[in-house]
């Protein structure tokens, strides 16, 4: 049974590595997509609101 465990561990690691490689090699999302640009603008606006000097608590 111990020998079987020593054979299963590398097999599972190889399967996980293959899944990760497929995930890492997927094509990136297009940066010119209007919805992604709008999403980025909403993110920037939220970050500007959260770091403005008027919104800091405790001062």
C-alpha atoms as a PDB file:
ATOM      1  CA  UNK A   1       0.000   0.000   0.000  1.00  0.00           C
ATOM      2  CA  UNK A   2       2.889   2.376   0.737  1.00  0.00           C
ATOM      3  CA  UNK A   3       4.304   1.808  -2.747  1.00  0.00           C
ATOM      4  CA  UNK A   4       0.943   2.730  -4.246  1.00  0.00           C
ATOM      5  CA  UNK A   5       0.935   5.995  -2.299  1.00  0.00           C
ATOM      6  CA  UNK A   6       4.423   6.822  -3.610  1.00  0.00           C
ATOM      7  CA  UNK A   7       3.152   6.276  -7.156  1.00  0.00           C
ATOM      8  CA  UNK A   8      -0.062   8.257  -6.704  1.00  0.00           C
ATOM      9  CA  UNK A   9       1.626  11.388  -5.287  1.00  0.00           C
ATOM     10  CA  UNK A  10       3.660  12.157  -8.456  1.00  0.00           C
ATOM     11  CA  UNK A  11       0.699  11.269 -10.670  1.00  0.00           C
ATOM     12  CA  UNK A  12      -1.550  13.739  -8.838  1.00  0.00           C
ATOM     13  CA  UNK A  13       1.209  16.374  -8.946  1.00  0.00           C
ATOM     14  CA  UNK A  14       1.580  15.880 -12.710  1.00  0.00           C
ATOM     15  CA  UNK A  15      -2.167  16.240 -13.229  1.00  0.00           C
ATOM     16  CA  UNK A  16      -2.269  19.426 -11.148  1.00  0.00           C
ATOM     17  CA  UNK A  17       0.757  20.816 -13.002  1.00  0.00           C
ATOM     18  CA  UNK A  18      -0.939  20.097 -16.323  1.00  0.00           C
ATOM     19  CA  UNK A  19      -4.121  21.862 -15.223  1.00  0.00           C
ATOM     20  CA  UNK A  20      -2.107  24.871 -14.042  1.00  0.00           C
ATOM     21  CA  UNK A  21      -0.139  24.998 -17.325  1.00  0.00           C
ATOM     22  CA  UNK A  22      -3.356  24.969 -19.351  1.00  0.00           C
ATOM     23  CA  UNK A  23      -4.805  27.723 -17.138  1.00  0.00           C
ATOM     24  CA  UNK A  24      -1.629  29.847 -17.360  1.00  0.00           C
ATOM     25  CA  UNK A  25      -1.414  29.499 -21.158  1.00  0.00           C
ATOM     26  CA  UNK A  26      -4.954  30.659 -21.858  1.00  0.00           C
ATOM     27  CA  UNK A  27      -5.210  33.760 -24.037  1.00  0.00           C
ATOM     28  CA  UNK A  28      -5.545  37.044 -22.144  1.00  0.00           C
ATOM     29  CA  UNK A  29      -8.715  39.077 -22.214  1.00  0.00           C
ATOM     30  CA  UNK A  30      -8.776  41.844 -24.783  1.00  0.00           C
ATOM     31  CA  UNK A  31      -7.888  45.202 -23.249  1.00  0.00           C
ATOM     32  CA  UNK A  32      -9.896  47.069 -25.862  1.00  0.00           C
ATOM     33  CA  UNK A  33     -13.169  45.479 -24.799  1.00  0.00           C
ATOM     34  CA  UNK A  34     -15.530  48.375 -23.908  1.00  0.00           C
ATOM     35  CA  UNK A  35     -16.887  46.561 -20.862  1.00  0.00           C
ATOM     36  CA  UNK A  36     -13.385  45.959 -19.488  1.00  0.00           C
ATOM     37  CA  UNK A  37     -12.475  49.611 -20.047  1.00  0.00           C
ATOM     38  CA  UNK A  38     -15.619  50.698 -18.218  1.00  0.00           C
ATOM     39  CA  UNK A  39     -14.816  48.273 -15.419  1.00  0.00           C
ATOM     40  CA  UNK A  40     -11.325  49.739 -15.138  1.00  0.00           C
ATOM     41  CA  UNK A  41     -12.700  53.278 -14.978  1.00  0.00           C
ATOM     42  CA  UNK A  42     -15.084  52.268 -12.167  1.00  0.00           C
ATOM     43  CA  UNK A  43     -12.143  50.712 -10.324  1.00  0.00           C
ATOM     44  CA  UNK A  44     -10.027  53.865 -10.708  1.00  0.00           C
ATOM     45  CA  UNK A  45     -12.891  56.064  -9.522  1.00  0.00           C
ATOM     46  CA  UNK A  46     -13.428  53.864  -6.474  1.00  0.00           C
ATOM     47  CA  UNK A  47      -9.717  53.931  -5.636  1.00  0.00           C
ATOM     48  CA  UNK A  48      -9.620  57.723  -5.941  1.00  0.00           C
ATOM     49  CA  UNK A  49     -12.624  58.045  -3.625  1.00  0.00           C
ATOM     50  CA  UNK A  50     -11.108  55.717  -1.025  1.00  0.00           C
ATOM     51  CA  UNK A  51      -7.716  57.509  -0.942  1.00  0.00           C
ATOM     52  CA  UNK A  52      -8.850  61.117  -1.010  1.00  0.00           C
ATOM     53  CA  UNK A  53      -7.750  63.164   2.036  1.00  0.00           C
ATOM     54  CA  UNK A  54     -11.369  64.046   2.882  1.00  0.00           C
ATOM     55  CA  UNK A  55     -12.334  60.386   3.412  1.00  0.00           C
ATOM     56  CA  UNK A  56      -9.562  59.434   5.833  1.00  0.00           C
ATOM     57  CA  UNK A  57     -10.958  58.514   9.214  1.00  0.00           C
ATOM     58  CA  UNK A  58      -9.191  59.326  12.442  1.00  0.00           C
ATOM     59  CA  UNK A  59      -7.730  62.676  11.383  1.00  0.00           C
END
